[in-house]
Amino acid sequence: MASIPPPPDDVASPGPPPTGSGSKITILAIVAIVAVVAIIGAVIALANSGDDDGTNAAASTTPSGSSVGAPEFVTARSGPFRIVLGWAPAQGVPADRYVVSRNGTVASNLEGTATSWVDDDVVPGTHYAYSIAAVATDGTSEAARITTETAEAPPATAPLEGVFDVHIHATSHFGFSNFGSGNGTLGWRFTPTCKNGPCDTKLADLHVKEFRLTLARSGASYHGDASFTGQVRCGSAPVTSSVTITVHVTDGGVVDGDWVATRVEGTMVQSESAQLGCVASGATYDVTGKIVR
């Protein structure tokens, strides 16, 4: 019968782990790897620290919350003589005040609660560029810009003022022994009797100082009459003439920044009663005038 031999007496027992230079190298390599991983993690953390939320920061049009934002939803409603600006405050730091500029010049300073402004200092048919700046308490600001054009206005809204080059053409005459060509050029100055808007106006001839009258306004029409001496003579003696003038404003425009009448058309009727031995006389003229200011 077979038997299992006893174990040999010289079987070696497990010894202590090696303590030579190879084990030291393995430990140092592991420590180095851990250090590199830590450094990479620190770099990534620093790269992300500039944007806490990390979502669409570059594409956002809303202020970060640390500075004032430009007004939003800016609108401009225009008429011939008025422009109304409107806006909404931006998100973030509230504005301490708003500065409204027109064509590069400051036009108004408003409180931070303002959301509109009315510009009454405009004229018809003109382009205007506006800037609405929101200003924070620290002086920082952001602006929104908008351009608009005022509407055209009817000629009747234009004040009759300024110097006009006036051409007259006689369409009929009677009673004169020597009438001349019947055509002439006059210089008329119109001076409104009010400060703003169209109203009655005074007419003065630049060359005949006696030629003065006031024209009453009705819509786009002006009418007046007066008497003066010196335009007509009976022999060598001057006689008194009666003059009636009716003109209509047919065009308006902007002159030196003001909305005024730029062209008039109408009639002038002149008459002299029989006096100093001369017969009655008279003439009717067509009148056209353009501003020369």
C-alpha atoms as a PDB file:
ATOM      1  CA  MET A   1       0.000   0.000   0.000  1.00  0.00           C
ATOM      2  CA  ALA A   2       1.357   3.298  -1.066  1.00  0.00           C
ATOM      3  CA  SER A   3       1.956   5.928   1.493  1.00  0.00           C
ATOM      4  CA  ILE A   4       2.338   9.719   1.276  1.00  0.00           C
ATOM      5  CA  PRO A   5       5.875  10.681   2.048  1.00  0.00           C
ATOM      6  CA  PRO A   6       6.401  13.106   4.859  1.00  0.00           C
ATOM      7  CA  PRO A   7       7.234  16.719   3.898  1.00  0.00           C
ATOM      8  CA  PRO A   8      10.876  17.451   3.625  1.00  0.00           C
ATOM      9  CA  ASP A   9      12.518  19.039   6.603  1.00  0.00           C
ATOM     10  CA  ASP A  10      14.156  21.877   4.638  1.00  0.00           C
ATOM     11  CA  VAL A  11      11.059  23.594   3.182  1.00  0.00           C
ATOM     12  CA  ALA A  12      11.764  27.326   3.392  1.00  0.00           C
ATOM     13  CA  SER A  13       9.359  29.466   5.348  1.00  0.00           C
ATOM     14  CA  PRO A  14       8.154  32.837   3.945  1.00  0.00           C
ATOM     15  CA  GLY A  15      10.610  35.616   4.610  1.00  0.00           C
ATOM     16  CA  PRO A  16      10.076  39.364   5.242  1.00  0.00           C
ATOM     17  CA  PRO A  17       9.318  41.653   2.267  1.00  0.00           C
ATOM     18  CA  PRO A  18      12.266  42.962   0.385  1.00  0.00           C
ATOM     19  CA  THR A  19      13.669  46.212   1.635  1.00  0.00           C
ATOM     20  CA  GLY A  20      16.053  47.059  -1.168  1.00  0.00           C
ATOM     21  CA  SER A  21      16.249  50.068  -3.646  1.00  0.00           C
ATOM     22  CA  GLY A  22      13.554  48.676  -5.989  1.00  0.00           C
ATOM     23  CA  SER A  23      10.748  49.223  -3.490  1.00  0.00           C
ATOM     24  CA  LYS A  24      11.842  52.794  -2.858  1.00  0.00           C
ATOM     25  CA  ILE A  25      11.600  53.624  -6.585  1.00  0.00           C
ATOM     26  CA  THR A  26       8.036  52.241  -6.758  1.00  0.00           C
ATOM     27  CA  ILE A  27       6.878  54.420  -3.822  1.00  0.00           C
ATOM     28  CA  LEU A  28       8.426  57.575  -5.288  1.00  0.00           C
ATOM     29  CA  ALA A  29       6.708  56.996  -8.659  1.00  0.00           C
ATOM     30  CA  ILE A  30       3.301  56.690  -7.016  1.00  0.00           C
ATOM     31  CA  VAL A  31       3.837  59.931  -5.057  1.00  0.00           C
ATOM     32  CA  ALA A  32       4.854  61.777  -8.247  1.00  0.00           C
ATOM     33  CA  ILE A  33       1.739  60.634 -10.111  1.00  0.00           C
ATOM     34  CA  VAL A  34      -0.480  61.825  -7.272  1.00  0.00           C
ATOM     35  CA  ALA A  35       1.238  65.246  -7.311  1.00  0.00           C
ATOM     36  CA  VAL A  36       0.748  65.657 -11.078  1.00  0.00           C
ATOM     37  CA  VAL A  37      -2.954  64.840 -10.770  1.00  0.00           C
ATOM     38  CA  ALA A  38      -3.304  67.420  -7.984  1.00  0.00           C
ATOM     39  CA  ILE A  39      -1.589  70.101 -10.079  1.00  0.00           C
ATOM     40  CA  ILE A  40      -3.846  69.417 -13.095  1.00  0.00           C
ATOM     41  CA  GLY A  41      -6.898  69.662 -10.871  1.00  0.00           C
ATOM     42  CA  ALA A  42      -5.735  73.010  -9.485  1.00  0.00           C
ATOM     43  CA  VAL A  43      -5.198  74.395 -12.989  1.00  0.00           C
ATOM     44  CA  ILE A  44      -8.688  73.322 -14.068  1.00  0.00           C
ATOM     45  CA  ALA A  45     -10.186  74.920 -10.943  1.00  0.00           C
ATOM     46  CA  LEU A  46      -8.411  78.206 -11.653  1.00  0.00           C
ATOM     47  CA  ALA A  47      -9.619  78.186 -15.257  1.00  0.00           C
ATOM     48  CA  ASN A  48     -13.218  77.833 -14.131  1.00  0.00           C
ATOM     49  CA  SER A  49     -13.040  80.360 -11.295  1.00  0.00           C
ATOM     50  CA  GLY A  50     -13.694  83.353 -13.675  1.00  0.00           C
ATOM     51  CA  ASP A  51     -17.277  82.217 -14.399  1.00  0.00           C
ATOM     52  CA  ASP A  52     -19.101  80.767 -11.478  1.00  0.00           C
ATOM     53  CA  ASP A  53     -22.151  79.555 -13.389  1.00  0.00           C
ATOM     54  CA  GLY A  54     -20.287  78.707 -16.604  1.00  0.00           C
ATOM     55  CA  THR A  55     -23.432  79.028 -18.816  1.00  0.00           C
ATOM     56  CA  ASN A  56     -23.510  81.180 -22.012  1.00  0.00           C
ATOM     57  CA  ALA A  57     -21.635  84.125 -20.426  1.00  0.00           C
ATOM     58  CA  ALA A  58     -20.181  85.332 -23.725  1.00  0.00           C
ATOM     59  CA  ALA A  59     -23.514  85.287 -25.548  1.00  0.00           C
ATOM     60  CA  SER A  60     -25.545  87.029 -22.829  1.00  0.00           C
ATOM     61  CA  THR A  61     -26.745  90.572 -23.517  1.00  0.00           C
ATOM     62  CA  THR A  62     -27.828  91.112 -19.914  1.00  0.00           C
ATOM     63  CA  PRO A  63     -25.362  92.959 -17.615  1.00  0.00           C
ATOM     64  CA  SER A  64     -23.541  90.734 -15.146  1.00  0.00           C
ATOM     65  CA  GLY A  65     -25.171  92.478 -12.197  1.00  0.00           C
ATOM     66  CA  SER A  66     -22.027  94.363 -11.221  1.00  0.00           C
ATOM     67  CA  SER A  67     -22.516  97.276 -13.681  1.00  0.00           C
ATOM     68  CA  VAL A  68     -25.370  99.380 -15.034  1.00  0.00           C
ATOM     69  CA  GLY A  69     -26.926  98.229 -18.308  1.00  0.00           C
ATOM     70  CA  ALA A  70     -28.022 100.237 -21.340  1.00  0.00           C
ATOM     71  CA  PRO A  71     -31.757 101.051 -21.583  1.00  0.00           C
ATOM     72  CA  GLU A  72     -33.775  98.416 -23.405  1.00  0.00           C
ATOM     73  CA  PHE A  73     -36.704  98.444 -25.842  1.00  0.00           C
ATOM     74  CA  VAL A  74     -35.979 102.031 -26.940  1.00  0.00           C
ATOM     75  CA  THR A  75     -38.683 103.628 -29.124  1.00  0.00           C
ATOM     76  CA  ALA A  76     -39.211 106.978 -30.849  1.00  0.00           C
ATOM     77  CA  ARG A  77     -42.619 108.346 -31.880  1.00  0.00           C
ATOM     78  CA  SER A  78     -42.306 111.324 -34.207  1.00  0.00           C
ATOM     79  CA  GLY A  79     -44.613 114.104 -35.351  1.00  0.00           C
ATOM     80  CA  PRO A  80     -43.757 117.328 -37.195  1.00  0.00           C
ATOM     81  CA  PHE A  81     -42.894 119.264 -34.031  1.00  0.00           C
ATOM     82  CA  ARG A  82     -42.410 116.608 -31.336  1.00  0.00           C
ATOM     83  CA  ILE A  83     -40.484 113.389 -30.704  1.00  0.00           C
ATOM     84  CA  VAL A  84     -41.356 111.122 -27.769  1.00  0.00           C
ATOM     85  CA  LEU A  85     -38.621 108.710 -26.641  1.00  0.00           C
ATOM     86  CA  GLY A  86     -39.443 105.677 -24.516  1.00  0.00           C
ATOM     87  CA  TRP A  87     -37.355 102.898 -22.925  1.00  0.00           C
ATOM     88  CA  ALA A  88     -37.250 100.261 -20.207  1.00  0.00           C
ATOM     89  CA  PRO A  89     -34.541  99.926 -17.533  1.00  0.00           C
ATOM     90  CA  ALA A  90     -32.025  97.139 -18.007  1.00  0.00           C
ATOM     91  CA  GLN A  91     -31.610  94.227 -15.611  1.00  0.00           C
ATOM     92  CA  GLY A  92     -28.869  94.519 -13.025  1.00  0.00           C
ATOM     93  CA  VAL A  93     -27.679  97.632 -11.247  1.00  0.00           C
ATOM     94  CA  PRO A  94     -30.384 100.335 -11.415  1.00  0.00           C
ATOM     95  CA  ALA A  95     -29.570 103.656 -13.075  1.00  0.00           C
ATOM     96  CA  ASP A  96     -29.027 106.645 -10.809  1.00  0.00           C
ATOM     97  CA  ARG A  97     -29.935 108.977 -13.695  1.00  0.00           C
ATOM     98  CA  TYR A  98     -30.348 109.097 -17.467  1.00  0.00           C
ATOM     99  CA  VAL A  99     -28.594 111.480 -19.834  1.00  0.00           C
ATOM    100  CA  VAL A 100     -30.367 112.117 -23.153  1.00  0.00           C
ATOM    101  CA  SER A 101     -28.300 113.549 -26.002  1.00  0.00           C
ATOM    102  CA  ARG A 102     -29.528 114.784 -29.378  1.00  0.00           C
ATOM    103  CA  ASN A 103     -27.140 114.869 -32.340  1.00  0.00           C
ATOM    104  CA  GLY A 104     -24.180 114.579 -29.975  1.00  0.00           C
ATOM    105  CA  THR A 105     -25.239 117.349 -27.572  1.00  0.00           C
ATOM    106  CA  VAL A 106     -26.709 116.754 -24.110  1.00  0.00           C
ATOM    107  CA  ALA A 107     -30.375 117.705 -24.210  1.00  0.00           C
ATOM    108  CA  SER A 108     -31.613 116.609 -20.772  1.00  0.00           C
ATOM    109  CA  ASN A 109     -30.696 114.954 -17.460  1.00  0.00           C
ATOM    110  CA  LEU A 110     -33.428 112.759 -15.986  1.00  0.00           C
ATOM    111  CA  GLU A 111     -33.996 110.862 -12.764  1.00  0.00           C
ATOM    112  CA  GLY A 112     -33.237 107.162 -12.636  1.00  0.00           C
ATOM    113  CA  THR A 113     -36.945 106.325 -12.545  1.00  0.00           C
ATOM    114  CA  ALA A 114     -37.626 108.003 -15.917  1.00  0.00           C
ATOM    115  CA  THR A 115     -38.769 105.844 -18.819  1.00  0.00           C
ATOM    116  CA  SER A 116     -39.643 108.548 -21.390  1.00  0.00           C
ATOM    117  CA  TRP A 117     -38.694 112.018 -22.597  1.00  0.00           C
ATOM    118  CA  VAL A 118     -40.412 114.513 -24.918  1.00  0.00           C
ATOM    119  CA  ASP A 119     -38.392 116.662 -27.336  1.00  0.00           C
ATOM    120  CA  ASP A 120     -40.375 119.730 -28.410  1.00  0.00           C
ATOM    121  CA  ASP A 121     -37.376 121.500 -29.904  1.00  0.00           C
ATOM    122  CA  VAL A 122     -37.557 119.859 -33.333  1.00  0.00           C
ATOM    123  CA  VAL A 123     -38.609 120.951 -36.819  1.00  0.00           C
ATOM    124  CA  PRO A 124     -40.448 119.075 -39.590  1.00  0.00           C
ATOM    125  CA  GLY A 125     -38.745 116.790 -42.103  1.00  0.00           C
ATOM    126  CA  THR A 126     -35.478 116.500 -40.180  1.00  0.00           C
ATOM    127  CA  HIS A 127     -33.353 113.536 -39.026  1.00  0.00           C
ATOM    128  CA  TYR A 128     -32.377 113.318 -35.346  1.00  0.00           C
ATOM    129  CA  ALA A 129     -30.007 110.901 -33.587  1.00  0.00           C
ATOM    130  CA  TYR A 130     -30.513 110.242 -29.867  1.00  0.00           C
ATOM    131  CA  SER A 131     -28.424 108.597 -27.163  1.00  0.00           C
ATOM    132  CA  ILE A 132     -29.996 107.551 -23.858  1.00  0.00           C
ATOM    133  CA  ALA A 133     -27.274 106.779 -21.302  1.00  0.00           C
ATOM    134  CA  ALA A 134     -27.988 105.024 -18.018  1.00  0.00           C
ATOM    135  CA  VAL A 135     -25.541 106.327 -15.392  1.00  0.00           C
ATOM    136  CA  ALA A 136     -24.782 104.487 -12.131  1.00  0.00           C
ATOM    137  CA  THR A 137     -23.891 106.134  -8.830  1.00  0.00           C
ATOM    138  CA  ASP A 138     -20.212 105.340  -9.436  1.00  0.00           C
ATOM    139  CA  GLY A 139     -20.280 107.231 -12.752  1.00  0.00           C
ATOM    140  CA  THR A 140     -20.177 104.221 -15.048  1.00  0.00           C
ATOM    141  CA  SER A 141     -22.671 104.318 -17.894  1.00  0.00           C
ATOM    142  CA  GLU A 142     -24.082 102.377 -20.812  1.00  0.00           C
ATOM    143  CA  ALA A 143     -26.035 103.981 -23.662  1.00  0.00           C
ATOM    144  CA  ALA A 144     -28.649 102.938 -26.197  1.00  0.00           C
ATOM    145  CA  ARG A 145     -29.053 104.828 -29.478  1.00  0.00           C
ATOM    146  CA  ILE A 146     -31.889 105.470 -31.897  1.00  0.00           C
ATOM    147  CA  THR A 147     -32.455 107.663 -34.959  1.00  0.00           C
ATOM    148  CA  THR A 148     -35.728 109.033 -36.286  1.00  0.00           C
ATOM    149  CA  GLU A 149     -37.147 111.651 -38.656  1.00  0.00           C
ATOM    150  CA  THR A 150     -39.877 114.155 -37.976  1.00  0.00           C
ATOM    151  CA  ALA A 151     -42.907 114.226 -40.249  1.00  0.00           C
ATOM    152  CA  GLU A 152     -43.539 116.890 -42.861  1.00  0.00           C
ATOM    153  CA  ALA A 153     -45.845 119.758 -41.932  1.00  0.00           C
ATOM    154  CA  PRO A 154     -48.321 121.781 -44.033  1.00  0.00           C
ATOM    155  CA  PRO A 155     -47.190 125.275 -45.120  1.00  0.00           C
ATOM    156  CA  ALA A 156     -49.884 126.902 -42.979  1.00  0.00           C
ATOM    157  CA  THR A 157     -47.929 125.910 -39.861  1.00  0.00           C
ATOM    158  CA  ALA A 158     -44.864 127.918 -40.944  1.00  0.00           C
ATOM    159  CA  PRO A 159     -44.545 131.444 -39.484  1.00  0.00           C
ATOM    160  CA  LEU A 160     -44.233 134.220 -42.059  1.00  0.00           C
ATOM    161  CA  GLU A 161     -41.001 135.935 -41.042  1.00  0.00           C
ATOM    162  CA  GLY A 162     -37.693 137.031 -42.510  1.00  0.00           C
ATOM    163  CA  VAL A 163     -36.600 138.956 -45.587  1.00  0.00           C
ATOM    164  CA  PHE A 164     -38.184 138.045 -48.932  1.00  0.00           C
ATOM    165  CA  ASP A 165     -37.155 138.843 -52.467  1.00  0.00           C
ATOM    166  CA  VAL A 166     -40.530 139.822 -53.995  1.00  0.00           C
ATOM    167  CA  HIS A 167     -41.347 140.031 -57.701  1.00  0.00           C
ATOM    168  CA  ILE A 168     -44.438 141.911 -58.867  1.00  0.00           C
ATOM    169  CA  HIS A 169     -46.085 141.770 -62.278  1.00  0.00           C
ATOM    170  CA  ALA A 170     -48.895 144.136 -63.261  1.00  0.00           C
ATOM    171  CA  THR A 171     -51.938 142.349 -64.642  1.00  0.00           C
ATOM    172  CA  SER A 172     -54.001 145.532 -65.149  1.00  0.00           C
ATOM    173  CA  HIS A 173     -53.768 149.310 -64.636  1.00  0.00           C
ATOM    174  CA  PHE A 174     -55.654 152.533 -65.423  1.00  0.00           C
ATOM    175  CA  GLY A 175     -55.354 156.328 -65.126  1.00  0.00           C
ATOM    176  CA  PHE A 176     -51.577 156.604 -65.479  1.00  0.00           C
ATOM    177  CA  SER A 177     -49.932 158.792 -68.123  1.00  0.00           C
ATOM    178  CA  ASN A 178     -46.693 156.861 -67.719  1.00  0.00           C
ATOM    179  CA  PHE A 179     -46.987 153.431 -66.103  1.00  0.00           C
ATOM    180  CA  GLY A 180     -43.609 151.897 -66.941  1.00  0.00           C
ATOM    181  CA  SER A 181     -42.906 148.198 -67.556  1.00  0.00           C
ATOM    182  CA  GLY A 182     -45.322 146.904 -64.945  1.00  0.00           C
ATOM    183  CA  ASN A 183     -42.663 144.553 -63.490  1.00  0.00           C
ATOM    184  CA  GLY A 184     -40.503 145.109 -60.460  1.00  0.00           C
ATOM    185  CA  THR A 185     -38.495 143.572 -57.604  1.00  0.00           C
ATOM    186  CA  LEU A 186     -39.099 144.576 -54.006  1.00  0.00           C
ATOM    187  CA  GLY A 187     -37.576 143.700 -50.672  1.00  0.00           C
ATOM    188  CA  TRP A 188     -40.083 142.891 -47.945  1.00  0.00           C
ATOM    189  CA  ARG A 189     -39.381 142.087 -44.315  1.00  0.00           C
ATOM    190  CA  PHE A 190     -41.984 140.106 -42.350  1.00  0.00           C
ATOM    191  CA  THR A 191     -41.942 140.303 -38.550  1.00  0.00           C
ATOM    192  CA  PRO A 192     -44.454 138.165 -36.594  1.00  0.00           C
ATOM    193  CA  THR A 193     -46.371 139.842 -33.783  1.00  0.00           C
ATOM    194  CA  CYS A 194     -45.939 136.755 -31.538  1.00  0.00           C
ATOM    195  CA  LYS A 195     -42.903 134.792 -30.332  1.00  0.00           C
ATOM    196  CA  ASN A 196     -43.989 131.292 -31.279  1.00  0.00           C
ATOM    197  CA  GLY A 197     -45.964 129.778 -34.105  1.00  0.00           C
ATOM    198  CA  PRO A 198     -47.663 131.467 -37.070  1.00  0.00           C
ATOM    199  CA  CYS A 199     -49.620 134.618 -36.300  1.00  0.00           C
ATOM    200  CA  ASP A 200     -50.286 138.133 -37.640  1.00  0.00           C
ATOM    201  CA  THR A 201     -47.175 139.667 -39.126  1.00  0.00           C
ATOM    202  CA  LYS A 202     -45.858 143.137 -39.874  1.00  0.00           C
ATOM    203  CA  LEU A 203     -44.719 143.951 -43.413  1.00  0.00           C
ATOM    204  CA  ALA A 204     -42.097 146.610 -44.131  1.00  0.00           C
ATOM    205  CA  ASP A 205     -40.596 147.531 -47.503  1.00  0.00           C
ATOM    206  CA  LEU A 206     -36.798 147.698 -47.243  1.00  0.00           C
ATOM    207  CA  HIS A 207     -36.546 150.674 -49.628  1.00  0.00           C
ATOM    208  CA  VAL A 208     -39.705 152.713 -48.989  1.00  0.00           C
ATOM    209  CA  LYS A 209     -39.900 153.496 -45.286  1.00  0.00           C
ATOM    210  CA  GLU A 210     -43.500 154.718 -45.521  1.00  0.00           C
ATOM    211  CA  PHE A 211     -44.606 151.302 -46.823  1.00  0.00           C
ATOM    212  CA  ARG A 212     -45.708 149.665 -43.550  1.00  0.00           C
ATOM    213  CA  LEU A 213     -48.745 147.543 -42.702  1.00  0.00           C
ATOM    214  CA  THR A 214     -49.875 144.632 -40.570  1.00  0.00           C
ATOM    215  CA  LEU A 215     -51.145 141.463 -42.232  1.00  0.00           C
ATOM    216  CA  ALA A 216     -53.817 139.491 -40.383  1.00  0.00           C
ATOM    217  CA  ARG A 217     -53.375 135.714 -40.573  1.00  0.00           C
ATOM    218  CA  SER A 218     -56.111 133.238 -41.471  1.00  0.00           C
ATOM    219  CA  GLY A 219     -54.690 129.759 -41.983  1.00  0.00           C
ATOM    220  CA  ALA A 220     -52.033 130.028 -44.682  1.00  0.00           C
ATOM    221  CA  SER A 221     -53.342 133.440 -45.863  1.00  0.00           C
ATOM    222  CA  TYR A 222     -52.340 136.944 -44.781  1.00  0.00           C
ATOM    223  CA  HIS A 223     -54.298 140.079 -45.614  1.00  0.00           C
ATOM    224  CA  GLY A 224     -53.864 143.759 -44.856  1.00  0.00           C
ATOM    225  CA  ASP A 225     -54.219 147.280 -46.215  1.00  0.00           C
ATOM    226  CA  ALA A 226     -52.665 150.681 -45.633  1.00  0.00           C
ATOM    227  CA  SER A 227     -52.246 154.139 -47.131  1.00  0.00           C
ATOM    228  CA  PHE A 228     -49.003 155.954 -47.791  1.00  0.00           C
ATOM    229  CA  THR A 229     -47.618 158.759 -49.902  1.00  0.00           C
ATOM    230  CA  GLY A 230     -44.777 158.886 -52.394  1.00  0.00           C
ATOM    231  CA  GLN A 231     -45.231 155.993 -54.798  1.00  0.00           C
ATOM    232  CA  VAL A 232     -47.322 157.965 -57.307  1.00  0.00           C
ATOM    233  CA  ARG A 233     -47.070 161.629 -58.311  1.00  0.00           C
ATOM    234  CA  CYS A 234     -49.449 164.087 -59.891  1.00  0.00           C
ATOM    235  CA  GLY A 235     -47.014 166.226 -61.817  1.00  0.00           C
ATOM    236  CA  SER A 236     -44.305 166.852 -59.230  1.00  0.00           C
ATOM    237  CA  ALA A 237     -46.545 166.472 -56.208  1.00  0.00           C
ATOM    238  CA  PRO A 238     -46.765 163.105 -54.391  1.00  0.00           C
ATOM    239  CA  VAL A 239     -50.268 161.701 -53.938  1.00  0.00           C
ATOM    240  CA  THR A 240     -51.704 159.272 -51.434  1.00  0.00           C
ATOM    241  CA  SER A 241     -52.030 155.625 -52.487  1.00  0.00           C
ATOM    242  CA  SER A 242     -54.143 152.924 -50.890  1.00  0.00           C
ATOM    243  CA  VAL A 243     -52.673 149.415 -51.003  1.00  0.00           C
ATOM    244  CA  THR A 244     -54.297 146.061 -50.252  1.00  0.00           C
ATOM    245  CA  ILE A 245     -52.056 142.989 -50.018  1.00  0.00           C
ATOM    246  CA  THR A 246     -53.111 139.351 -49.832  1.00  0.00           C
ATOM    247  CA  VAL A 247     -50.504 136.599 -49.806  1.00  0.00           C
ATOM    248  CA  HIS A 248     -50.631 132.851 -49.216  1.00  0.00           C
ATOM    249  CA  VAL A 249     -47.807 130.728 -47.817  1.00  0.00           C
ATOM    250  CA  THR A 250     -47.197 128.035 -50.438  1.00  0.00           C
ATOM    251  CA  ASP A 251     -44.106 126.373 -48.993  1.00  0.00           C
ATOM    252  CA  GLY A 252     -42.238 126.038 -45.734  1.00  0.00           C
ATOM    253  CA  GLY A 253     -38.778 124.869 -44.779  1.00  0.00           C
ATOM    254  CA  VAL A 254     -36.007 124.916 -42.205  1.00  0.00           C
ATOM    255  CA  VAL A 255     -33.876 128.071 -42.325  1.00  0.00           C
ATOM    256  CA  ASP A 256     -31.123 128.550 -39.739  1.00  0.00           C
ATOM    257  CA  GLY A 257     -32.723 125.808 -37.656  1.00  0.00           C
ATOM    258  CA  ASP A 258     -36.206 127.378 -37.676  1.00  0.00           C
ATOM    259  CA  TRP A 259     -39.343 126.179 -39.434  1.00  0.00           C
ATOM    260  CA  VAL A 260     -40.578 129.187 -41.460  1.00  0.00           C
ATOM    261  CA  ALA A 261     -42.457 130.118 -44.622  1.00  0.00           C
ATOM    262  CA  THR A 262     -40.093 130.069 -47.589  1.00  0.00           C
ATOM    263  CA  ARG A 263     -42.410 131.056 -50.454  1.00  0.00           C
ATOM    264  CA  VAL A 264     -45.504 133.260 -50.803  1.00  0.00           C
ATOM    265  CA  GLU A 265     -47.854 134.050 -53.657  1.00  0.00           C
ATOM    266  CA  GLY A 266     -50.689 136.560 -53.897  1.00  0.00           C
ATOM    267  CA  THR A 267     -51.845 139.926 -55.152  1.00  0.00           C
ATOM    268  CA  MET A 268     -51.318 143.606 -54.454  1.00  0.00           C
ATOM    269  CA  VAL A 269     -53.959 146.177 -55.426  1.00  0.00           C
ATOM    270  CA  GLN A 270     -52.941 149.835 -55.539  1.00  0.00           C
ATOM    271  CA  SER A 271     -55.331 152.775 -56.061  1.00  0.00           C
ATOM    272  CA  GLU A 272     -55.300 156.591 -55.997  1.00  0.00           C
ATOM    273  CA  SER A 273     -58.369 158.750 -55.912  1.00  0.00           C
ATOM    274  CA  ALA A 274     -58.658 161.791 -58.167  1.00  0.00           C
ATOM    275  CA  GLN A 275     -56.638 164.517 -56.454  1.00  0.00           C
ATOM    276  CA  LEU A 276     -54.537 167.598 -57.195  1.00  0.00           C
ATOM    277  CA  GLY A 277     -56.081 167.823 -60.648  1.00  0.00           C
ATOM    278  CA  CYS A 278     -55.166 164.253 -61.660  1.00  0.00           C
ATOM    279  CA  VAL A 279     -57.646 161.511 -62.504  1.00  0.00           C
ATOM    280  CA  ALA A 280     -58.077 158.397 -60.420  1.00  0.00           C
ATOM    281  CA  SER A 281     -55.569 155.630 -61.061  1.00  0.00           C
ATOM    282  CA  GLY A 282     -54.816 152.110 -59.969  1.00  0.00           C
ATOM    283  CA  ALA A 283     -53.081 148.833 -60.737  1.00  0.00           C
ATOM    284  CA  THR A 284     -53.301 145.170 -59.798  1.00  0.00           C
ATOM    285  CA  TYR A 285     -50.164 143.038 -59.412  1.00  0.00           C
ATOM    286  CA  ASP A 286     -49.360 139.365 -59.066  1.00  0.00           C
ATOM    287  CA  VAL A 287     -46.905 138.853 -56.217  1.00  0.00           C
ATOM    288  CA  THR A 288     -44.406 136.018 -55.700  1.00  0.00           C
ATOM    289  CA  GLY A 289     -41.741 136.004 -53.005  1.00  0.00           C
ATOM    290  CA  LYS A 290     -38.928 133.730 -51.790  1.00  0.00           C
ATOM    291  CA  ILE A 291     -37.089 133.977 -48.529  1.00  0.00           C
ATOM    292  CA  VAL A 292     -33.502 135.201 -48.683  1.00  0.00           C
ATOM    293  CA  ARG A 293     -32.869 135.758 -44.947  1.00  0.00           C
END
